[in-house]
All heavy atoms as atom14 arrays in JSON, in Angstrom:
{
  "sequence": "AAQAGRGPTPEVRIDFRLADLPELGVFNLVSSS",
  "atom14_mask": [
    [1, 1, 1, 1, 1, 0, 0, 0, 0, 0, 0, 0, 0, 0],
    [1, 1, 1, 1, 1, 0, 0, 0, 0, 0, 0, 0, 0, 0],
    [1, 1, 1, 1, 1, 1, 1, 1, 1, 0, 0, 0, 0, 0],
    [1, 1, 1, 1, 1, 0, 0, 0, 0, 0, 0, 0, 0, 0],
    [1, 1, 1, 1, 0, 0, 0, 0, 0, 0, 0, 0, 0, 0],
    [1, 1, 1, 1, 1, 1, 1, 1, 1, 1, 1, 0, 0, 0],
    [1, 1, 1, 1, 0, 0, 0, 0, 0, 0, 0, 0, 0, 0],
    [1, 1, 1, 1, 1, 1, 1, 0, 0, 0, 0, 0, 0, 0],
    [1, 1, 1, 1, 1, 1, 1, 0, 0, 0, 0, 0, 0, 0],
    [1, 1, 1, 1, 1, 1, 1, 0, 0, 0, 0, 0, 0, 0],
    [1, 1, 1, 1, 1, 1, 1, 1, 1, 0, 0, 0, 0, 0],
    [1, 1, 1, 1, 1, 1, 1, 0, 0, 0, 0, 0, 0, 0],
    [1, 1, 1, 1, 1, 1, 1, 1, 1, 1, 1, 0, 0, 0],
    [1, 1, 1, 1, 1, 1, 1, 1, 0, 0, 0, 0, 0, 0],
    [1, 1, 1, 1, 1, 1, 1, 1, 0, 0, 0, 0, 0, 0],
    [1, 1, 1, 1, 1, 1, 1, 1, 1, 1, 1, 0, 0, 0],
    [1, 1, 1, 1, 1, 1, 1, 1, 1, 1, 1, 0, 0, 0],
    [1, 1, 1, 1, 1, 1, 1, 1, 0, 0, 0, 0, 0, 0],
    [1, 1, 1, 1, 1, 0, 0, 0, 0, 0, 0, 0, 0, 0],
    [1, 1, 1, 1, 1, 1, 1, 1, 0, 0, 0, 0, 0, 0],
    [1, 1, 1, 1, 1, 1, 1, 1, 0, 0, 0, 0, 0, 0],
    [1, 1, 1, 1, 1, 1, 1, 0, 0, 0, 0, 0, 0, 0],
    [1, 1, 1, 1, 1, 1, 1, 1, 1, 0, 0, 0, 0, 0],
    [1, 1, 1, 1, 1, 1, 1, 1, 0, 0, 0, 0, 0, 0],
    [1, 1, 1, 1, 0, 0, 0, 0, 0, 0, 0, 0, 0, 0],
    [1, 1, 1, 1, 1, 1, 1, 0, 0, 0, 0, 0, 0, 0],
    [1, 1, 1, 1, 1, 1, 1, 1, 1, 1, 1, 0, 0, 0],
    [1, 1, 1, 1, 1, 1, 1, 1, 0, 0, 0, 0, 0, 0],
    [1, 1, 1, 1, 1, 1, 1, 1, 0, 0, 0, 0, 0, 0],
    [1, 1, 1, 1, 1, 1, 1, 0, 0, 0, 0, 0, 0, 0],
    [1, 1, 1, 1, 1, 1, 0, 0, 0, 0, 0, 0, 0, 0],
    [1, 1, 1, 1, 1, 1, 0, 0, 0, 0, 0, 0, 0, 0],
    [1, 1, 1, 1, 1, 1, 0, 0, 0, 0, 0, 0, 0, 0]
  ],
  "atom14_positions": [
    [[-3.03, 18.89, -8.75], [-1.98, 18.68, -9.76], [-1.85, 17.28, -10.43], [-1.7, 17.34, -11.54], [-0.7, 19.07, -8.98], [0.0, 0.0, 0.0], [0.0, 0.0, 0.0], [0.0, 0.0, 0.0], [0.0, 0.0, 0.0], [0.0, 0.0, 0.0], [0.0, 0.0, 0.0], [0.0, 0.0, 0.0], [0.0, 0.0, 0.0], [0.0, 0.0, 0.0]],
    [[-2.14, 16.28, -9.64], [-2.17, 15.0, -10.3], [-3.35, 14.77, -11.27], [-3.11, 14.31, -12.43], [-2.29, 13.91, -9.17], [0.0, 0.0, 0.0], [0.0, 0.0, 0.0], [0.0, 0.0, 0.0], [0.0, 0.0, 0.0], [0.0, 0.0, 0.0], [0.0, 0.0, 0.0], [0.0, 0.0, 0.0], [0.0, 0.0, 0.0], [0.0, 0.0, 0.0]],
    [[-4.46, 15.39, -10.95], [-5.68, 15.31, -11.88], [-5.38, 16.11, -13.18], [-5.81, 15.83, -14.17], [-6.83, 15.83, -11.16], [-7.32, 14.72, -10.14], [-8.47, 15.35, -9.2], [-8.62, 16.58, -9.0], [-9.29, 14.43, -8.77], [0.0, 0.0, 0.0], [0.0, 0.0, 0.0], [0.0, 0.0, 0.0], [0.0, 0.0, 0.0], [0.0, 0.0, 0.0]],
    [[-4.54, 17.15, -13.04], [-4.17, 18.03, -14.14], [-3.06, 17.39, -14.96], [-2.66, 18.06, -15.91], [-3.85, 19.38, -13.71], [0.0, 0.0, 0.0], [0.0, 0.0, 0.0], [0.0, 0.0, 0.0], [0.0, 0.0, 0.0], [0.0, 0.0, 0.0], [0.0, 0.0, 0.0], [0.0, 0.0, 0.0], [0.0, 0.0, 0.0], [0.0, 0.0, 0.0]],
    [[-2.52, 16.24, -14.53], [-1.35, 15.59, -15.22], [0.01, 16.38, -14.92], [1.04, 16.22, -15.54], [0.0, 0.0, 0.0], [0.0, 0.0, 0.0], [0.0, 0.0, 0.0], [0.0, 0.0, 0.0], [0.0, 0.0, 0.0], [0.0, 0.0, 0.0], [0.0, 0.0, 0.0], [0.0, 0.0, 0.0], [0.0, 0.0, 0.0], [0.0, 0.0, 0.0]],
    [[-0.05, 17.18, -13.83], [1.16, 17.92, -13.39], [1.85, 17.52, -12.14], [2.71, 18.08, -11.5], [0.98, 19.38, -13.34], [0.41, 20.06, -14.57], [1.53, 20.19, -15.6], [2.69, 20.76, -15.12], [3.89, 20.58, -15.51], [4.16, 19.73, -16.37], [4.94, 21.08, -14.97], [0.0, 0.0, 0.0], [0.0, 0.0, 0.0], [0.0, 0.0, 0.0]],
    [[1.46, 16.22, -11.64], [2.1, 15.71, -10.31], [1.72, 14.25, -10.27], [0.95, 13.71, -10.88], [0.0, 0.0, 0.0], [0.0, 0.0, 0.0], [0.0, 0.0, 0.0], [0.0, 0.0, 0.0], [0.0, 0.0, 0.0], [0.0, 0.0, 0.0], [0.0, 0.0, 0.0], [0.0, 0.0, 0.0], [0.0, 0.0, 0.0], [0.0, 0.0, 0.0]],
    [[2.41, 13.66, -9.19], [2.21, 12.15, -8.93], [1.0, 11.95, -8.29], [0.48, 12.74, -7.54], [3.61, 11.78, -8.18], [3.9, 13.09, -7.47], [3.42, 14.15, -8.38], [0.0, 0.0, 0.0], [0.0, 0.0, 0.0], [0.0, 0.0, 0.0], [0.0, 0.0, 0.0], [0.0, 0.0, 0.0], [0.0, 0.0, 0.0], [0.0, 0.0, 0.0]],
    [[0.53, 10.74, -8.43], [-0.54, 10.22, -7.51], [0.21, 9.55, -6.37], [1.31, 8.98, -6.41], [-1.5, 9.17, -8.28], [-0.7, 8.08, -8.84], [-2.14, 9.85, -9.45], [0.0, 0.0, 0.0], [0.0, 0.0, 0.0], [0.0, 0.0, 0.0], [0.0, 0.0, 0.0], [0.0, 0.0, 0.0], [0.0, 0.0, 0.0], [0.0, 0.0, 0.0]],
    [[-0.59, 9.26, -5.3], [0.06, 8.57, -4.05], [0.34, 7.13, -4.35], [-0.31, 6.42, -5.26], [-0.92, 8.8, -3.05], [-2.2, 9.01, -3.63], [-1.88, 9.59, -4.98], [0.0, 0.0, 0.0], [0.0, 0.0, 0.0], [0.0, 0.0, 0.0], [0.0, 0.0, 0.0], [0.0, 0.0, 0.0], [0.0, 0.0, 0.0], [0.0, 0.0, 0.0]],
    [[1.45, 6.62, -3.8], [1.68, 5.16, -3.82], [2.1, 4.82, -2.33], [3.15, 4.99, -1.84], [2.76, 4.89, -4.72], [3.02, 3.3, -4.8], [4.11, 2.84, -5.66], [3.77, 3.04, -7.0], [5.05, 2.44, -5.26], [0.0, 0.0, 0.0], [0.0, 0.0, 0.0], [0.0, 0.0, 0.0], [0.0, 0.0, 0.0], [0.0, 0.0, 0.0]],
    [[0.86, 4.36, -1.6], [1.03, 3.99, -0.18], [1.4, 2.57, -0.1], [0.76, 1.62, -0.75], [-0.26, 4.27, 0.59], [-0.16, 3.82, 1.99], [-0.66, 5.75, 0.38], [0.0, 0.0, 0.0], [0.0, 0.0, 0.0], [0.0, 0.0, 0.0], [0.0, 0.0, 0.0], [0.0, 0.0, 0.0], [0.0, 0.0, 0.0], [0.0, 0.0, 0.0]],
    [[2.45, 2.11, 0.69], [2.87, 0.75, 1.04], [2.88, 0.43, 2.41], [3.51, 1.19, 3.17], [4.24, 0.55, 0.34], [4.28, 0.65, -1.22], [5.81, 0.57, -1.6], [5.8, 0.65, -3.15], [5.77, -0.48, -3.88], [5.69, -1.63, -3.36], [5.88, -0.28, -5.27], [0.0, 0.0, 0.0], [0.0, 0.0, 0.0], [0.0, 0.0, 0.0]],
    [[2.13, -0.5, 2.74], [2.03, -0.96, 4.09], [2.36, -2.46, 4.24], [1.67, -3.2, 3.55], [0.54, -0.65, 4.73], [0.29, 0.77, 4.63], [0.63, -1.12, 6.13], [-1.14, 1.16, 5.05], [0.0, 0.0, 0.0], [0.0, 0.0, 0.0], [0.0, 0.0, 0.0], [0.0, 0.0, 0.0], [0.0, 0.0, 0.0], [0.0, 0.0, 0.0]],
    [[3.29, -2.69, 4.98], [3.68, -4.19, 5.32], [2.86, -4.61, 6.49], [2.95, -3.93, 7.48], [5.11, -4.22, 5.37], [5.94, -3.99, 4.22], [5.31, -3.97, 3.14], [7.14, -3.77, 4.33], [0.0, 0.0, 0.0], [0.0, 0.0, 0.0], [0.0, 0.0, 0.0], [0.0, 0.0, 0.0], [0.0, 0.0, 0.0], [0.0, 0.0, 0.0]],
    [[2.42, -5.78, 6.68], [1.68, -6.32, 7.78], [1.71, -7.82, 7.86], [1.91, -8.55, 6.78], [0.23, -5.76, 7.76], [-0.6, -6.34, 6.62], [-1.28, -7.42, 6.77], [-0.57, -5.62, 5.43], [-2.02, -7.87, 5.55], [-1.33, -6.01, 4.4], [-2.04, -7.24, 4.4], [0.0, 0.0, 0.0], [0.0, 0.0, 0.0], [0.0, 0.0, 0.0]],
    [[1.32, -8.44, 9.02], [1.08, -9.79, 9.15], [-0.33, -10.02, 9.53], [-0.97, -9.04, 10.08], [1.91, -10.3, 10.18], [3.51, -10.44, 9.87], [4.19, -11.11, 11.01], [5.61, -10.95, 10.99], [6.32, -11.85, 10.4], [5.77, -12.93, 9.87], [7.61, -11.69, 10.03], [0.0, 0.0, 0.0], [0.0, 0.0, 0.0], [0.0, 0.0, 0.0]],
    [[-0.82, -11.11, 9.24], [-2.25, -11.49, 9.63], [-2.07, -11.88, 11.27], [-1.28, -12.6, 11.65], [-2.84, -12.61, 8.87], [-2.93, -12.44, 7.47], [-3.58, -13.56, 6.75], [-3.94, -11.17, 7.22], [0.0, 0.0, 0.0], [0.0, 0.0, 0.0], [0.0, 0.0, 0.0], [0.0, 0.0, 0.0], [0.0, 0.0, 0.0], [0.0, 0.0, 0.0]],
    [[-2.86, -11.22, 12.07], [-2.82, -11.4, 13.44], [-3.13, -12.82, 13.84], [-2.47, -13.33, 14.71], [-3.71, -10.37, 14.2], [0.0, 0.0, 0.0], [0.0, 0.0, 0.0], [0.0, 0.0, 0.0], [0.0, 0.0, 0.0], [0.0, 0.0, 0.0], [0.0, 0.0, 0.0], [0.0, 0.0, 0.0], [0.0, 0.0, 0.0], [0.0, 0.0, 0.0]],
    [[-4.05, -13.36, 13.29], [-4.45, -14.85, 13.51], [-3.51, -15.92, 12.84], [-3.61, -17.02, 13.23], [-5.85, -15.02, 13.14], [-6.75, -14.18, 14.0], [-6.43, -13.74, 15.07], [-7.92, -13.89, 13.52], [0.0, 0.0, 0.0], [0.0, 0.0, 0.0], [0.0, 0.0, 0.0], [0.0, 0.0, 0.0], [0.0, 0.0, 0.0], [0.0, 0.0, 0.0]],
    [[-2.66, -15.43, 11.84], [-1.81, -16.49, 11.18], [-0.47, -15.84, 10.86], [-0.06, -15.72, 9.78], [-2.5, -16.93, 9.91], [-3.83, -17.69, 10.04], [-4.47, -17.85, 8.7], [-3.47, -19.09, 10.62], [0.0, 0.0, 0.0], [0.0, 0.0, 0.0], [0.0, 0.0, 0.0], [0.0, 0.0, 0.0], [0.0, 0.0, 0.0], [0.0, 0.0, 0.0]],
    [[0.14, -15.37, 11.87], [1.51, -14.64, 11.62], [2.46, -15.48, 11.02], [3.48, -14.98, 10.16], [2.0, -14.13, 13.0], [1.29, -15.23, 13.92], [-0.04, -15.44, 13.33], [0.0, 0.0, 0.0], [0.0, 0.0, 0.0], [0.0, 0.0, 0.0], [0.0, 0.0, 0.0], [0.0, 0.0, 0.0], [0.0, 0.0, 0.0], [0.0, 0.0, 0.0]],
    [[2.38, -16.87, 11.04], [3.35, -17.73, 10.39], [3.27, -17.65, 8.89], [4.25, -18.11, 8.22], [3.27, -19.18, 10.89], [1.91, -19.76, 10.56], [0.85, -19.49, 11.62], [0.93, -18.64, 12.41], [-0.31, -20.08, 11.39], [0.0, 0.0, 0.0], [0.0, 0.0, 0.0], [0.0, 0.0, 0.0], [0.0, 0.0, 0.0], [0.0, 0.0, 0.0]],
    [[2.28, -17.13, 8.28], [2.24, -17.02, 6.9], [3.19, -15.95, 6.33], [3.28, -15.87, 5.14], [0.84, -16.62, 6.49], [-0.28, -17.61, 6.69], [-1.6, -17.31, 6.16], [0.17, -19.1, 5.93], [0.0, 0.0, 0.0], [0.0, 0.0, 0.0], [0.0, 0.0, 0.0], [0.0, 0.0, 0.0], [0.0, 0.0, 0.0], [0.0, 0.0, 0.0]],
    [[3.73, -15.03, 7.18], [4.74, -14.03, 6.7], [4.11, -12.7, 6.63], [3.07, -12.38, 7.03], [0.0, 0.0, 0.0], [0.0, 0.0, 0.0], [0.0, 0.0, 0.0], [0.0, 0.0, 0.0], [0.0, 0.0, 0.0], [0.0, 0.0, 0.0], [0.0, 0.0, 0.0], [0.0, 0.0, 0.0], [0.0, 0.0, 0.0], [0.0, 0.0, 0.0]],
    [[4.92, -11.95, 5.9], [4.57, -10.54, 5.74], [3.87, -10.21, 4.41], [4.31, -10.84, 3.32], [5.8, -9.65, 5.75], [5.34, -8.19, 5.44], [6.54, -9.78, 7.03], [0.0, 0.0, 0.0], [0.0, 0.0, 0.0], [0.0, 0.0, 0.0], [0.0, 0.0, 0.0], [0.0, 0.0, 0.0], [0.0, 0.0, 0.0], [0.0, 0.0, 0.0]],
    [[2.72, -9.44, 4.42], [1.82, -9.21, 3.18], [2.16, -7.65, 3.09], [2.54, -7.03, 3.9], [0.42, -9.39, 3.56], [0.15, -10.86, 3.5], [0.36, -11.63, 4.73], [-0.3, -11.67, 2.4], [0.04, -12.92, 4.84], [-0.58, -12.92, 2.58], [-0.4, -13.57, 3.73], [0.0, 0.0, 0.0], [0.0, 0.0, 0.0], [0.0, 0.0, 0.0]],
    [[1.91, -7.28, 1.81], [2.07, -5.99, 1.47], [0.6, -5.44, 0.9], [0.04, -6.02, 0.05], [3.02, -5.73, 0.25], [4.31, -6.29, 0.51], [4.49, -7.58, 0.42], [5.35, -5.53, 1.29], [0.0, 0.0, 0.0], [0.0, 0.0, 0.0], [0.0, 0.0, 0.0], [0.0, 0.0, 0.0], [0.0, 0.0, 0.0], [0.0, 0.0, 0.0]],
    [[0.3, -4.26, 1.21], [-0.93, -3.46, 0.75], [-0.21, -2.31, 0.01], [0.53, -1.45, 0.56], [-1.82, -2.98, 1.92], [-2.78, -2.0, 1.37], [-3.87, -2.7, 0.61], [-3.45, -1.21, 2.6], [0.0, 0.0, 0.0], [0.0, 0.0, 0.0], [0.0, 0.0, 0.0], [0.0, 0.0, 0.0], [0.0, 0.0, 0.0], [0.0, 0.0, 0.0]],
    [[-0.54, -2.21, -1.29], [-0.08, -1.21, -2.12], [-1.33, -0.42, -2.67], [-2.22, -1.1, -3.22], [0.76, -1.64, -3.25], [1.22, -0.25, -4.09], [2.0, -2.38, -2.73], [0.0, 0.0, 0.0], [0.0, 0.0, 0.0], [0.0, 0.0, 0.0], [0.0, 0.0, 0.0], [0.0, 0.0, 0.0], [0.0, 0.0, 0.0], [0.0, 0.0, 0.0]],
    [[-1.44, 0.8, -2.37], [-2.7, 1.53, -2.87], [-2.31, 2.92, -3.32], [-1.36, 3.54, -2.91], [-3.63, 1.64, -1.66], [-4.74, 2.53, -2.02], [0.0, 0.0, 0.0], [0.0, 0.0, 0.0], [0.0, 0.0, 0.0], [0.0, 0.0, 0.0], [0.0, 0.0, 0.0], [0.0, 0.0, 0.0], [0.0, 0.0, 0.0], [0.0, 0.0, 0.0]],
    [[-3.27, 3.43, -4.24], [-3.03, 4.77, -4.81], [-4.2, 5.55, -4.29], [-4.61, 6.71, -4.77], [-2.98, 4.76, -6.27], [-4.16, 4.2, -6.77], [0.0, 0.0, 0.0], [0.0, 0.0, 0.0], [0.0, 0.0, 0.0], [0.0, 0.0, 0.0], [0.0, 0.0, 0.0], [0.0, 0.0, 0.0], [0.0, 0.0, 0.0], [0.0, 0.0, 0.0]],
    [[-4.79, 5.29, -3.19], [-5.92, 5.94, -2.6], [-5.6, 7.27, -1.94], [-4.69, 7.25, -1.14], [-6.7, 4.98, -1.45], [-7.52, 5.79, -0.71], [0.0, 0.0, 0.0], [0.0, 0.0, 0.0], [0.0, 0.0, 0.0], [0.0, 0.0, 0.0], [0.0, 0.0, 0.0], [0.0, 0.0, 0.0], [0.0, 0.0, 0.0], [0.0, 0.0, 0.0]]
  ]
}
């Protein structure tokens, strides 16, 4: 449906911290995969 222009594409949002540097705060991964 998305390829036909009749539906949305995904918008995945994942919040995470770097395991080795958690003090840097929260990062966001946003993907339409």
